[in-house]
């Protein structure tokens, strides 16, 4: 139960802080800036890894949980409770933003700025890169330690920095589901659910190819 609660709280904080930076930037006519938004996402992910890494593994992302399960590094019986906790945390985070900023239309919802198929490919690649780093710096299915926090937070930051204006740089189904449900903007939500999962699974396949024979088969 502690792990599930940690995933709920962590995903709540991720959405509240990250999407909150987007909402605050709109409210303050650009005071936060795009770079500030990207940095907020990166820093909050790093902080959450240090806070909850040794409790739940600090996934906060259904795509990461699914990928760890596919890699046989995470028990399949926990996948539904983890994803449920993450999704509910994201909805709660977006709900709190709605309470604070009821006039904001999107609440940080991720929407494509170019052709949908290009954004789908973009999000797949972004999540692939993120998961490649996660699976190589994590211990089993736990993102813990100084290296994990810096590396994973850094990836989130630089990907949000260059891809955010085009795709929203979600890389996380829960992060997109929360604001989309609360704001009512469900258009293209499927993209931000499916593409990250595909990208994360492809990262596991890469691990199996480039690392040791038993890597990502439960013995890595």
N, C-alpha and C. Protein backbone atom coordinates (compact mmCIF):
# COMPACT_ATOMS: atom_id res chain seq x y z
N UNK A 1 0.82 -1.21 0.00
CA UNK A 1 0.00 0.00 0.00
C UNK A 1 0.86 1.27 0.00
N UNK A 2 2.00 1.22 0.71
CA UNK A 2 2.88 2.40 0.73
C UNK A 2 3.36 2.74 -0.67
N UNK A 3 3.66 1.71 -1.47
CA UNK A 3 4.13 1.94 -2.83
C UNK A 3 3.04 2.59 -3.68
N UNK A 4 1.81 2.11 -3.56
CA UNK A 4 0.71 2.67 -4.34
C UNK A 4 0.43 4.12 -3.95
N UNK A 5 0.47 4.38 -2.65
CA UNK A 5 0.25 5.75 -2.17
C UNK A 5 1.37 6.67 -2.66
N UNK A 6 2.59 6.16 -2.68
CA UNK A 6 3.73 6.94 -3.17
C UNK A 6 3.55 7.28 -4.64
N UNK A 7 3.07 6.32 -5.43
CA UNK A 7 2.84 6.58 -6.85
C UNK A 7 1.74 7.61 -7.05
N UNK A 8 0.70 7.54 -6.21
CA UNK A 8 -0.37 8.53 -6.28
C UNK A 8 0.15 9.92 -5.96
N UNK A 9 0.84 10.04 -4.82
CA UNK A 9 1.34 11.34 -4.39
C UNK A 9 2.35 11.89 -5.39
N UNK A 10 3.27 11.04 -5.84
CA UNK A 10 4.29 11.49 -6.77
C UNK A 10 3.71 11.99 -8.08
N UNK A 11 2.73 11.27 -8.62
CA UNK A 11 2.13 11.69 -9.88
C UNK A 11 1.29 12.94 -9.69
N UNK A 12 0.66 13.06 -8.52
CA UNK A 12 -0.06 14.29 -8.19
C UNK A 12 0.90 15.48 -8.23
N UNK A 13 2.03 15.35 -7.57
CA UNK A 13 3.00 16.45 -7.52
C UNK A 13 3.55 16.75 -8.91
N UNK A 14 3.84 15.70 -9.68
CA UNK A 14 4.36 15.89 -11.03
C UNK A 14 3.41 16.73 -11.88
N UNK A 15 2.14 16.36 -11.87
CA UNK A 15 1.15 17.10 -12.68
C UNK A 15 0.89 18.48 -12.09
N UNK A 16 0.76 18.56 -10.78
CA UNK A 16 0.48 19.85 -10.16
C UNK A 16 1.61 20.85 -10.43
N UNK A 17 2.86 20.40 -10.30
CA UNK A 17 4.00 21.30 -10.50
C UNK A 17 4.26 21.55 -11.98
N UNK A 18 4.34 20.47 -12.77
CA UNK A 18 4.67 20.63 -14.19
C UNK A 18 3.59 21.35 -14.97
N UNK A 19 2.37 20.83 -14.87
CA UNK A 19 1.26 21.50 -15.57
C UNK A 19 0.95 22.84 -14.92
N UNK A 20 1.22 22.92 -13.61
CA UNK A 20 1.05 24.20 -12.92
C UNK A 20 1.96 25.28 -13.48
N UNK A 21 3.16 24.89 -13.89
CA UNK A 21 4.07 25.85 -14.52
C UNK A 21 3.50 26.36 -15.83
N UNK A 22 2.85 25.45 -16.58
CA UNK A 22 2.22 25.86 -17.85
C UNK A 22 1.08 26.84 -17.58
N UNK A 23 0.23 26.48 -16.62
CA UNK A 23 -0.92 27.33 -16.30
C UNK A 23 -0.46 28.68 -15.76
N UNK A 24 0.51 28.67 -14.87
CA UNK A 24 1.03 29.92 -14.31
C UNK A 24 1.66 30.79 -15.37
N UNK A 25 2.35 30.15 -16.33
CA UNK A 25 2.95 30.91 -17.41
C UNK A 25 1.88 31.63 -18.24
N UNK A 26 0.77 30.95 -18.48
CA UNK A 26 -0.33 31.57 -19.22
C UNK A 26 -0.98 32.68 -18.39
N UNK A 27 -1.15 32.42 -17.11
CA UNK A 27 -1.79 33.40 -16.21
C UNK A 27 -0.96 34.67 -16.07
N UNK A 28 0.37 34.50 -16.09
CA UNK A 28 1.26 35.64 -15.85
C UNK A 28 1.83 36.22 -17.15
N UNK A 29 1.22 35.87 -18.28
CA UNK A 29 1.66 36.39 -19.57
C UNK A 29 3.11 36.07 -19.88
N UNK A 30 3.51 34.83 -19.61
CA UNK A 30 4.82 34.36 -20.03
C UNK A 30 5.94 34.56 -19.05
N UNK A 31 5.64 34.84 -17.79
CA UNK A 31 6.69 35.07 -16.80
C UNK A 31 7.56 33.83 -16.58
N UNK A 32 6.94 32.67 -16.56
CA UNK A 32 7.70 31.44 -16.32
C UNK A 32 8.59 31.09 -17.50
N UNK A 33 8.12 31.32 -18.71
CA UNK A 33 8.79 31.03 -19.99
C UNK A 33 8.78 29.53 -20.29
N UNK A 34 8.97 29.21 -21.56
CA UNK A 34 9.00 27.79 -21.94
C UNK A 34 10.17 27.07 -21.27
N UNK A 35 11.33 27.72 -21.21
CA UNK A 35 12.48 27.09 -20.57
C UNK A 35 12.20 26.82 -19.10
N UNK A 36 11.47 27.71 -18.45
CA UNK A 36 11.11 27.52 -17.06
C UNK A 36 10.17 26.34 -16.87
N UNK A 37 9.26 26.16 -17.82
CA UNK A 37 8.35 25.02 -17.76
C UNK A 37 9.12 23.72 -17.90
N UNK A 38 10.01 23.67 -18.89
CA UNK A 38 10.82 22.46 -19.11
C UNK A 38 11.67 22.14 -17.89
N UNK A 39 12.26 23.18 -17.31
CA UNK A 39 13.10 22.98 -16.12
C UNK A 39 12.26 22.50 -14.94
N UNK A 40 11.05 23.02 -14.81
CA UNK A 40 10.17 22.59 -13.72
C UNK A 40 9.88 21.10 -13.82
N UNK A 41 9.54 20.63 -15.01
CA UNK A 41 9.28 19.21 -15.19
C UNK A 41 10.51 18.38 -14.84
N UNK A 42 11.69 18.81 -15.32
CA UNK A 42 12.91 18.06 -15.04
C UNK A 42 13.25 18.02 -13.57
N UNK A 43 13.14 19.17 -12.90
CA UNK A 43 13.49 19.24 -11.49
C UNK A 43 12.51 18.48 -10.62
N UNK A 44 11.22 18.54 -10.94
CA UNK A 44 10.25 17.84 -10.09
C UNK A 44 10.42 16.33 -10.23
N UNK A 45 10.75 15.86 -11.44
CA UNK A 45 11.01 14.43 -11.61
C UNK A 45 12.23 14.01 -10.79
N UNK A 46 13.30 14.79 -10.85
CA UNK A 46 14.49 14.48 -10.06
C UNK A 46 14.17 14.43 -8.58
N UNK A 47 13.47 15.44 -8.10
CA UNK A 47 13.14 15.50 -6.68
C UNK A 47 12.28 14.32 -6.24
N UNK A 48 11.34 13.93 -7.08
CA UNK A 48 10.44 12.82 -6.73
C UNK A 48 11.17 11.48 -6.71
N UNK A 49 12.16 11.33 -7.57
CA UNK A 49 12.97 10.10 -7.55
C UNK A 49 13.70 9.98 -6.22
N UNK A 50 14.27 11.08 -5.75
CA UNK A 50 14.95 11.06 -4.45
C UNK A 50 13.96 10.83 -3.31
N UNK A 51 12.75 11.35 -3.45
CA UNK A 51 11.77 11.25 -2.37
C UNK A 51 11.15 9.85 -2.28
N UNK A 52 10.85 9.25 -3.43
CA UNK A 52 10.07 8.02 -3.42
C UNK A 52 10.74 6.83 -4.09
N UNK A 53 11.97 7.00 -4.58
CA UNK A 53 12.63 5.92 -5.31
C UNK A 53 12.77 4.63 -4.54
N UNK A 54 13.06 4.74 -3.24
CA UNK A 54 13.26 3.53 -2.45
C UNK A 54 11.96 2.97 -1.88
N UNK A 55 10.84 3.63 -2.15
CA UNK A 55 9.54 3.15 -1.68
C UNK A 55 8.77 2.45 -2.79
N UNK A 56 8.58 3.16 -3.90
CA UNK A 56 7.77 2.60 -4.99
C UNK A 56 8.57 2.37 -6.27
N UNK A 57 9.82 2.88 -6.29
CA UNK A 57 10.59 2.84 -7.52
C UNK A 57 10.45 4.11 -8.32
N UNK A 58 9.53 5.00 -7.89
CA UNK A 58 9.34 6.30 -8.52
C UNK A 58 9.07 6.19 -10.01
N UNK A 59 8.05 5.41 -10.36
CA UNK A 59 7.67 5.32 -11.77
C UNK A 59 6.90 6.57 -12.20
N UNK A 60 5.74 6.81 -11.57
CA UNK A 60 4.88 7.96 -11.85
C UNK A 60 4.48 8.03 -13.32
N UNK A 61 4.51 6.90 -14.00
CA UNK A 61 4.32 6.89 -15.45
C UNK A 61 3.89 5.48 -15.86
N UNK A 62 2.66 5.31 -16.35
CA UNK A 62 2.21 3.98 -16.77
C UNK A 62 3.09 3.33 -17.83
N UNK A 63 3.66 4.12 -18.72
CA UNK A 63 4.53 3.57 -19.76
C UNK A 63 5.78 2.94 -19.14
N UNK A 64 6.31 3.57 -18.11
CA UNK A 64 7.49 3.04 -17.42
C UNK A 64 7.12 1.75 -16.69
N UNK A 65 5.99 1.74 -16.02
CA UNK A 65 5.55 0.54 -15.31
C UNK A 65 5.33 -0.62 -16.27
N UNK A 66 4.69 -0.35 -17.39
CA UNK A 66 4.45 -1.39 -18.40
C UNK A 66 5.78 -1.91 -18.96
N UNK A 67 6.71 -1.00 -19.22
CA UNK A 67 8.01 -1.41 -19.77
C UNK A 67 8.79 -2.25 -18.78
N UNK A 68 8.80 -1.87 -17.51
CA UNK A 68 9.49 -2.67 -16.49
C UNK A 68 8.85 -4.05 -16.36
N UNK A 69 7.53 -4.10 -16.50
CA UNK A 69 6.84 -5.39 -16.45
C UNK A 69 7.23 -6.24 -17.65
N UNK A 70 7.26 -5.64 -18.82
CA UNK A 70 7.65 -6.34 -20.04
C UNK A 70 9.09 -6.85 -19.94
N UNK A 71 9.92 -6.08 -19.25
CA UNK A 71 11.32 -6.47 -19.06
C UNK A 71 11.48 -7.51 -17.95
N UNK A 72 10.38 -7.89 -17.32
CA UNK A 72 10.38 -8.86 -16.23
C UNK A 72 11.17 -8.37 -15.02
N UNK A 73 11.13 -7.05 -14.83
CA UNK A 73 11.76 -6.44 -13.67
C UNK A 73 10.72 -5.97 -12.65
N UNK A 74 9.44 -6.17 -12.98
CA UNK A 74 8.37 -5.68 -12.12
C UNK A 74 7.25 -6.71 -12.12
N UNK A 75 6.72 -7.06 -10.93
CA UNK A 75 5.69 -8.10 -10.84
C UNK A 75 4.39 -7.71 -11.55
N UNK A 76 3.92 -8.59 -12.40
CA UNK A 76 2.75 -8.27 -13.22
C UNK A 76 1.51 -8.02 -12.38
N UNK A 77 1.41 -8.63 -11.20
CA UNK A 77 0.23 -8.45 -10.36
C UNK A 77 0.12 -7.04 -9.80
N UNK A 78 1.20 -6.26 -9.88
CA UNK A 78 1.15 -4.89 -9.37
C UNK A 78 0.90 -3.85 -10.45
N UNK A 79 0.84 -4.28 -11.69
CA UNK A 79 0.77 -3.32 -12.79
C UNK A 79 -0.53 -2.51 -12.76
N UNK A 80 -1.65 -3.16 -12.52
CA UNK A 80 -2.94 -2.45 -12.50
C UNK A 80 -3.02 -1.49 -11.31
N UNK A 81 -2.66 -1.92 -10.08
CA UNK A 81 -2.69 -0.96 -8.96
C UNK A 81 -1.75 0.23 -9.18
N UNK A 82 -0.58 0.00 -9.76
CA UNK A 82 0.36 1.09 -10.02
C UNK A 82 -0.23 2.09 -11.00
N UNK A 83 -0.73 1.58 -12.12
CA UNK A 83 -1.28 2.46 -13.16
C UNK A 83 -2.51 3.20 -12.64
N UNK A 84 -3.32 2.52 -11.84
CA UNK A 84 -4.49 3.16 -11.25
C UNK A 84 -4.08 4.30 -10.33
N UNK A 85 -3.10 4.04 -9.48
CA UNK A 85 -2.62 5.07 -8.55
C UNK A 85 -2.04 6.26 -9.31
N UNK A 86 -1.26 5.99 -10.36
CA UNK A 86 -0.67 7.05 -11.16
C UNK A 86 -1.74 7.90 -11.84
N UNK A 87 -2.72 7.23 -12.42
CA UNK A 87 -3.77 7.95 -13.14
C UNK A 87 -4.62 8.79 -12.19
N UNK A 88 -4.97 8.22 -11.06
CA UNK A 88 -5.75 8.97 -10.07
C UNK A 88 -4.96 10.16 -9.52
N UNK A 89 -3.65 9.97 -9.33
CA UNK A 89 -2.81 11.06 -8.87
C UNK A 89 -2.76 12.19 -9.88
N UNK A 90 -2.67 11.84 -11.17
CA UNK A 90 -2.64 12.85 -12.22
C UNK A 90 -3.97 13.60 -12.30
N UNK A 91 -5.08 12.88 -12.15
CA UNK A 91 -6.39 13.52 -12.17
C UNK A 91 -6.53 14.47 -10.98
N UNK A 92 -6.05 14.02 -9.82
CA UNK A 92 -6.11 14.87 -8.62
C UNK A 92 -5.26 16.12 -8.80
N UNK A 93 -4.08 15.97 -9.39
CA UNK A 93 -3.22 17.12 -9.62
C UNK A 93 -3.86 18.13 -10.55
N UNK A 94 -4.45 17.63 -11.64
CA UNK A 94 -5.13 18.52 -12.58
C UNK A 94 -6.37 19.13 -11.94
N UNK A 95 -7.05 18.34 -11.10
CA UNK A 95 -8.23 18.86 -10.41
C UNK A 95 -7.88 20.01 -9.48
N UNK A 96 -6.74 19.89 -8.79
CA UNK A 96 -6.32 20.98 -7.92
C UNK A 96 -5.99 22.23 -8.72
N UNK A 97 -5.41 22.06 -9.89
CA UNK A 97 -5.13 23.22 -10.75
C UNK A 97 -6.43 23.87 -11.20
N UNK A 98 -7.46 23.05 -11.47
CA UNK A 98 -8.76 23.60 -11.86
C UNK A 98 -9.36 24.42 -10.72
N UNK A 99 -9.19 23.93 -9.48
CA UNK A 99 -9.69 24.67 -8.32
C UNK A 99 -9.00 26.02 -8.22
N UNK A 100 -7.70 26.04 -8.48
CA UNK A 100 -6.92 27.28 -8.36
C UNK A 100 -7.09 28.20 -9.56
N UNK A 101 -7.26 27.60 -10.76
CA UNK A 101 -7.37 28.39 -11.98
C UNK A 101 -8.59 27.92 -12.79
N UNK A 102 -9.79 28.14 -12.29
CA UNK A 102 -11.00 27.63 -12.95
C UNK A 102 -11.24 28.19 -14.35
N UNK A 103 -10.63 29.33 -14.66
CA UNK A 103 -10.84 29.94 -15.97
C UNK A 103 -9.86 29.44 -17.03
N UNK A 104 -8.87 28.65 -16.61
CA UNK A 104 -7.90 28.14 -17.57
C UNK A 104 -8.55 27.02 -18.39
N UNK A 105 -8.45 27.11 -19.69
CA UNK A 105 -9.17 26.17 -20.56
C UNK A 105 -8.52 24.79 -20.62
N UNK A 106 -7.19 24.73 -20.69
CA UNK A 106 -6.51 23.47 -20.97
C UNK A 106 -5.86 22.81 -19.75
N UNK A 107 -5.48 23.58 -18.75
CA UNK A 107 -4.84 23.05 -17.54
C UNK A 107 -3.60 22.22 -17.85
N UNK A 108 -2.89 22.61 -18.91
CA UNK A 108 -1.66 21.90 -19.27
C UNK A 108 -1.88 20.68 -20.14
N UNK A 109 -3.06 20.56 -20.75
CA UNK A 109 -3.34 19.41 -21.62
C UNK A 109 -2.37 19.37 -22.79
N UNK A 110 -1.88 18.19 -23.11
CA UNK A 110 -0.97 18.03 -24.24
C UNK A 110 -1.79 17.89 -25.53
N UNK A 111 -1.48 18.76 -26.49
CA UNK A 111 -2.15 18.75 -27.79
C UNK A 111 -1.10 18.91 -28.89
N UNK A 112 -1.28 18.22 -30.01
CA UNK A 112 -0.29 18.31 -31.11
C UNK A 112 -0.34 19.65 -31.80
N UNK A 113 0.84 20.14 -32.16
CA UNK A 113 0.95 21.40 -32.90
C UNK A 113 1.28 21.17 -34.37
N UNK A 114 1.54 19.93 -34.74
CA UNK A 114 1.77 19.56 -36.13
C UNK A 114 0.92 18.33 -36.43
N UNK A 115 1.11 17.75 -37.63
CA UNK A 115 0.32 16.58 -38.00
C UNK A 115 0.35 15.52 -36.92
N UNK A 116 -0.80 14.88 -36.70
CA UNK A 116 -0.93 13.90 -35.63
C UNK A 116 0.07 12.76 -35.76
N UNK A 117 0.27 12.25 -36.97
CA UNK A 117 1.18 11.11 -37.13
C UNK A 117 2.62 11.51 -36.81
N UNK A 118 2.97 12.77 -37.09
CA UNK A 118 4.32 13.24 -36.75
C UNK A 118 4.47 13.36 -35.23
N UNK A 119 3.44 13.85 -34.57
CA UNK A 119 3.49 13.95 -33.11
C UNK A 119 3.53 12.55 -32.49
N UNK A 120 2.79 11.61 -33.06
CA UNK A 120 2.82 10.23 -32.57
C UNK A 120 4.24 9.67 -32.64
N UNK A 121 4.90 9.89 -33.77
CA UNK A 121 6.28 9.42 -33.93
C UNK A 121 7.20 10.15 -32.97
N UNK A 122 7.00 11.44 -32.82
CA UNK A 122 7.80 12.26 -31.92
C UNK A 122 7.70 11.74 -30.48
N UNK A 123 6.48 11.52 -30.02
CA UNK A 123 6.26 11.06 -28.65
C UNK A 123 6.82 9.65 -28.44
N UNK A 124 6.74 8.83 -29.46
CA UNK A 124 7.31 7.48 -29.38
C UNK A 124 8.82 7.56 -29.17
N UNK A 125 9.47 8.39 -29.96
CA UNK A 125 10.93 8.54 -29.87
C UNK A 125 11.34 9.18 -28.54
N UNK A 126 10.60 10.20 -28.12
CA UNK A 126 10.91 10.86 -26.85
C UNK A 126 10.85 9.87 -25.68
N UNK A 127 9.80 9.06 -25.66
CA UNK A 127 9.66 8.09 -24.57
C UNK A 127 10.69 6.99 -24.69
N UNK A 128 11.02 6.62 -25.91
CA UNK A 128 12.08 5.63 -26.13
C UNK A 128 13.39 6.11 -25.49
N UNK A 129 13.75 7.36 -25.76
CA UNK A 129 14.99 7.91 -25.20
C UNK A 129 14.93 7.93 -23.68
N UNK A 130 13.79 8.37 -23.16
CA UNK A 130 13.63 8.43 -21.70
C UNK A 130 13.77 7.05 -21.08
N UNK A 131 13.12 6.06 -21.67
CA UNK A 131 13.14 4.71 -21.09
C UNK A 131 14.51 4.06 -21.24
N UNK A 132 15.22 4.36 -22.32
CA UNK A 132 16.58 3.84 -22.47
C UNK A 132 17.44 4.29 -21.31
N UNK A 133 17.30 5.55 -20.93
CA UNK A 133 18.06 6.08 -19.80
C UNK A 133 17.58 5.44 -18.50
N UNK A 134 16.28 5.40 -18.30
CA UNK A 134 15.73 4.84 -17.06
C UNK A 134 16.21 3.42 -16.83
N UNK A 135 16.11 2.58 -17.85
CA UNK A 135 16.40 1.17 -17.67
C UNK A 135 17.90 0.92 -17.48
N UNK A 136 18.71 1.89 -17.88
CA UNK A 136 20.15 1.73 -17.72
C UNK A 136 20.70 2.34 -16.44
N UNK A 137 19.91 3.17 -15.78
CA UNK A 137 20.40 3.76 -14.51
C UNK A 137 19.60 3.28 -13.31
N UNK A 138 18.56 2.47 -13.57
CA UNK A 138 17.73 2.00 -12.47
C UNK A 138 18.29 0.72 -11.86
N UNK A 139 17.83 0.42 -10.67
CA UNK A 139 18.17 -0.82 -9.99
C UNK A 139 16.94 -1.70 -10.00
N UNK A 140 16.92 -2.71 -10.85
CA UNK A 140 15.71 -3.49 -11.03
C UNK A 140 14.64 -2.61 -11.61
N UNK A 141 13.49 -2.50 -10.92
CA UNK A 141 12.42 -1.61 -11.36
C UNK A 141 12.37 -0.36 -10.50
N UNK A 142 13.49 -0.06 -9.81
CA UNK A 142 13.52 1.11 -8.93
C UNK A 142 14.46 2.17 -9.49
N UNK A 143 13.93 3.38 -9.63
CA UNK A 143 14.75 4.51 -10.04
C UNK A 143 15.29 5.15 -8.77
N UNK A 144 16.49 4.75 -8.36
CA UNK A 144 17.03 5.23 -7.09
C UNK A 144 18.48 5.67 -7.27
N UNK A 145 18.95 6.52 -6.38
CA UNK A 145 20.35 6.92 -6.37
C UNK A 145 20.58 8.26 -7.03
N UNK A 146 21.76 8.79 -6.79
CA UNK A 146 22.13 10.10 -7.34
C UNK A 146 22.11 10.10 -8.85
N UNK A 147 22.66 9.06 -9.46
CA UNK A 147 22.73 9.00 -10.92
C UNK A 147 21.33 8.99 -11.53
N UNK A 148 20.44 8.20 -10.97
CA UNK A 148 19.08 8.09 -11.52
C UNK A 148 18.37 9.43 -11.50
N UNK A 149 18.40 10.11 -10.37
CA UNK A 149 17.70 11.38 -10.25
C UNK A 149 18.20 12.42 -11.24
N UNK A 150 19.51 12.54 -11.35
CA UNK A 150 20.10 13.53 -12.26
C UNK A 150 19.85 13.15 -13.71
N UNK A 151 20.11 11.89 -14.06
CA UNK A 151 20.00 11.46 -15.44
C UNK A 151 18.56 11.53 -15.96
N UNK A 152 17.63 10.97 -15.19
CA UNK A 152 16.24 10.93 -15.65
C UNK A 152 15.62 12.33 -15.66
N UNK A 153 15.87 13.10 -14.62
CA UNK A 153 15.38 14.48 -14.60
C UNK A 153 15.97 15.29 -15.74
N UNK A 154 17.24 15.04 -16.05
CA UNK A 154 17.89 15.75 -17.15
C UNK A 154 17.27 15.43 -18.49
N UNK A 155 16.94 14.17 -18.70
CA UNK A 155 16.30 13.77 -19.96
C UNK A 155 14.93 14.43 -20.10
N UNK A 156 14.14 14.41 -19.02
CA UNK A 156 12.83 15.05 -19.05
C UNK A 156 12.98 16.53 -19.38
N UNK A 157 13.97 17.17 -18.77
CA UNK A 157 14.20 18.59 -19.02
C UNK A 157 14.56 18.87 -20.48
N UNK A 158 15.57 18.17 -21.02
CA UNK A 158 15.99 18.54 -22.37
C UNK A 158 14.97 18.14 -23.42
N UNK A 159 14.22 17.07 -23.17
CA UNK A 159 13.18 16.70 -24.14
C UNK A 159 12.02 17.68 -24.10
N UNK A 160 11.64 18.12 -22.90
CA UNK A 160 10.59 19.13 -22.79
C UNK A 160 11.05 20.45 -23.40
N UNK A 161 12.34 20.72 -23.29
CA UNK A 161 12.89 21.97 -23.81
C UNK A 161 12.75 22.06 -25.33
N UNK A 162 13.11 20.99 -26.03
CA UNK A 162 13.10 21.11 -27.50
C UNK A 162 11.82 20.57 -28.14
N UNK A 163 11.10 19.69 -27.47
CA UNK A 163 9.91 19.09 -28.08
C UNK A 163 8.60 19.63 -27.51
N UNK A 164 8.65 20.28 -26.36
CA UNK A 164 7.44 20.79 -25.74
C UNK A 164 6.58 21.65 -26.65
N UNK A 165 7.16 22.60 -27.38
CA UNK A 165 6.33 23.46 -28.23
C UNK A 165 5.65 22.72 -29.39
N UNK A 166 6.12 21.53 -29.70
CA UNK A 166 5.56 20.78 -30.83
C UNK A 166 4.55 19.73 -30.38
N UNK A 167 4.90 18.95 -29.36
CA UNK A 167 4.06 17.83 -28.93
C UNK A 167 3.51 17.98 -27.52
N UNK A 168 4.08 18.86 -26.74
CA UNK A 168 3.77 18.93 -25.32
C UNK A 168 4.73 18.08 -24.50
N UNK A 169 5.52 17.25 -25.21
CA UNK A 169 6.54 16.40 -24.56
C UNK A 169 5.97 15.67 -23.35
N UNK A 170 4.93 14.91 -23.57
CA UNK A 170 4.29 14.19 -22.47
C UNK A 170 5.15 13.04 -21.97
N UNK A 171 5.39 12.06 -22.84
CA UNK A 171 6.17 10.86 -22.50
C UNK A 171 5.55 10.08 -21.34
N UNK A 172 4.30 10.37 -21.04
CA UNK A 172 3.68 9.84 -19.83
C UNK A 172 2.16 9.85 -19.99
N UNK A 173 1.54 8.68 -20.18
CA UNK A 173 0.08 8.65 -20.33
C UNK A 173 -0.68 9.31 -19.19
N UNK A 174 -0.25 9.08 -17.94
CA UNK A 174 -0.96 9.66 -16.80
C UNK A 174 -0.90 11.18 -16.83
N UNK A 175 0.28 11.72 -17.14
CA UNK A 175 0.44 13.17 -17.19
C UNK A 175 -0.52 13.81 -18.20
N UNK A 176 -0.81 13.08 -19.29
CA UNK A 176 -1.74 13.60 -20.30
C UNK A 176 -3.19 13.33 -19.95
N UNK A 177 -3.45 12.17 -19.34
CA UNK A 177 -4.83 11.80 -19.01
C UNK A 177 -5.44 12.77 -17.99
N UNK A 178 -4.69 13.12 -16.94
CA UNK A 178 -5.22 13.98 -15.89
C UNK A 178 -5.77 15.29 -16.40
N UNK A 179 -4.93 16.14 -17.01
CA UNK A 179 -5.44 17.42 -17.51
C UNK A 179 -6.50 17.27 -18.60
N UNK A 180 -6.38 16.24 -19.44
CA UNK A 180 -7.37 16.05 -20.51
C UNK A 180 -8.75 15.75 -19.94
N UNK A 181 -8.83 14.88 -18.94
CA UNK A 181 -10.11 14.54 -18.34
C UNK A 181 -10.72 15.72 -17.59
N UNK A 182 -9.91 16.41 -16.82
CA UNK A 182 -10.43 17.52 -16.01
C UNK A 182 -10.85 18.69 -16.89
N UNK A 183 -10.09 18.97 -17.94
CA UNK A 183 -10.41 20.11 -18.82
C UNK A 183 -11.46 19.75 -19.87
N UNK A 184 -11.64 18.44 -20.10
CA UNK A 184 -12.61 18.01 -21.11
C UNK A 184 -12.07 17.98 -22.52
N UNK A 185 -10.76 18.19 -22.67
CA UNK A 185 -10.14 18.17 -24.00
C UNK A 185 -9.55 16.78 -24.24
N UNK A 186 -10.40 15.87 -24.72
CA UNK A 186 -9.98 14.49 -24.92
C UNK A 186 -9.49 14.21 -26.34
N UNK A 187 -9.56 15.24 -27.19
CA UNK A 187 -9.09 15.04 -28.55
C UNK A 187 -7.60 14.70 -28.55
N UNK A 188 -7.26 13.69 -29.31
CA UNK A 188 -5.87 13.23 -29.46
C UNK A 188 -5.29 12.60 -28.19
N UNK A 189 -6.11 12.37 -27.16
CA UNK A 189 -5.57 11.75 -25.94
C UNK A 189 -5.01 10.36 -26.24
N UNK A 190 -5.66 9.64 -27.16
CA UNK A 190 -5.19 8.29 -27.50
C UNK A 190 -3.72 8.31 -27.90
N UNK A 191 -3.33 9.35 -28.60
CA UNK A 191 -1.94 9.48 -29.06
C UNK A 191 -0.98 9.48 -27.89
N UNK A 192 -1.32 10.24 -26.86
CA UNK A 192 -0.43 10.40 -25.71
C UNK A 192 -0.49 9.23 -24.74
N UNK A 193 -1.39 8.29 -25.01
CA UNK A 193 -1.44 7.06 -24.24
C UNK A 193 -0.67 5.95 -24.95
N UNK A 194 -0.91 5.80 -26.24
CA UNK A 194 -0.33 4.69 -26.99
C UNK A 194 1.14 4.92 -27.35
N UNK A 195 1.48 6.10 -27.84
CA UNK A 195 2.85 6.35 -28.29
C UNK A 195 3.89 6.16 -27.19
N UNK A 196 3.68 6.69 -25.96
CA UNK A 196 4.68 6.46 -24.91
C UNK A 196 4.86 4.99 -24.56
N UNK A 197 3.77 4.22 -24.58
CA UNK A 197 3.88 2.79 -24.26
C UNK A 197 4.72 2.08 -25.32
N UNK A 198 4.48 2.40 -26.58
CA UNK A 198 5.28 1.79 -27.66
C UNK A 198 6.75 2.17 -27.52
N UNK A 199 7.02 3.44 -27.26
CA UNK A 199 8.40 3.90 -27.12
C UNK A 199 9.11 3.23 -25.97
N UNK A 200 8.42 3.06 -24.85
CA UNK A 200 9.03 2.44 -23.67
C UNK A 200 9.34 0.96 -23.92
N UNK A 201 8.44 0.27 -24.60
CA UNK A 201 8.67 -1.14 -24.90
C UNK A 201 9.83 -1.30 -25.89
N UNK A 202 9.92 -0.40 -26.86
CA UNK A 202 11.04 -0.44 -27.80
C UNK A 202 12.37 -0.26 -27.08
N UNK A 203 12.37 0.54 -26.03
CA UNK A 203 13.60 0.74 -25.25
C UNK A 203 14.04 -0.56 -24.58
N UNK A 204 13.08 -1.34 -24.11
CA UNK A 204 13.40 -2.63 -23.49
C UNK A 204 14.00 -3.57 -24.54
N UNK A 205 13.42 -3.56 -25.73
CA UNK A 205 13.96 -4.39 -26.81
C UNK A 205 15.40 -3.99 -27.14
N UNK A 206 15.68 -2.70 -27.12
CA UNK A 206 17.04 -2.23 -27.36
C UNK A 206 17.99 -2.74 -26.28
N UNK A 207 17.52 -2.68 -25.05
CA UNK A 207 18.34 -3.18 -23.93
C UNK A 207 18.74 -4.62 -24.16
N UNK A 208 17.80 -5.43 -24.62
CA UNK A 208 18.08 -6.84 -24.85
C UNK A 208 19.09 -7.06 -25.97
N UNK A 209 19.13 -6.13 -26.91
CA UNK A 209 20.04 -6.28 -28.05
C UNK A 209 21.45 -5.83 -27.71
N UNK A 210 21.58 -4.69 -27.03
CA UNK A 210 22.89 -4.08 -26.84
C UNK A 210 23.58 -4.46 -25.53
N UNK A 211 22.82 -5.03 -24.58
CA UNK A 211 23.46 -5.39 -23.31
C UNK A 211 23.64 -6.90 -23.22
N UNK A 212 23.79 -7.39 -22.00
CA UNK A 212 24.08 -8.80 -21.81
C UNK A 212 22.91 -9.68 -22.26
N UNK A 213 23.18 -10.93 -22.46
CA UNK A 213 22.19 -11.86 -23.00
C UNK A 213 20.90 -11.90 -22.18
N UNK A 214 21.02 -11.86 -20.86
CA UNK A 214 19.86 -11.98 -20.00
C UNK A 214 19.26 -10.63 -19.59
N UNK A 215 19.78 -9.54 -20.17
CA UNK A 215 19.29 -8.23 -19.77
C UNK A 215 17.82 -8.08 -20.14
N UNK A 216 17.06 -7.47 -19.25
CA UNK A 216 15.63 -7.23 -19.44
C UNK A 216 14.86 -8.52 -19.64
N UNK A 217 15.36 -9.57 -19.01
CA UNK A 217 14.66 -10.85 -19.01
C UNK A 217 14.53 -11.35 -17.57
N UNK A 218 14.61 -10.40 -16.65
CA UNK A 218 14.48 -10.75 -15.24
C UNK A 218 15.79 -10.99 -14.54
N UNK A 219 16.90 -11.01 -15.28
CA UNK A 219 18.18 -11.31 -14.66
C UNK A 219 19.21 -10.21 -14.87
N UNK A 220 18.76 -9.05 -15.32
CA UNK A 220 19.71 -7.98 -15.65
C UNK A 220 20.30 -7.38 -14.37
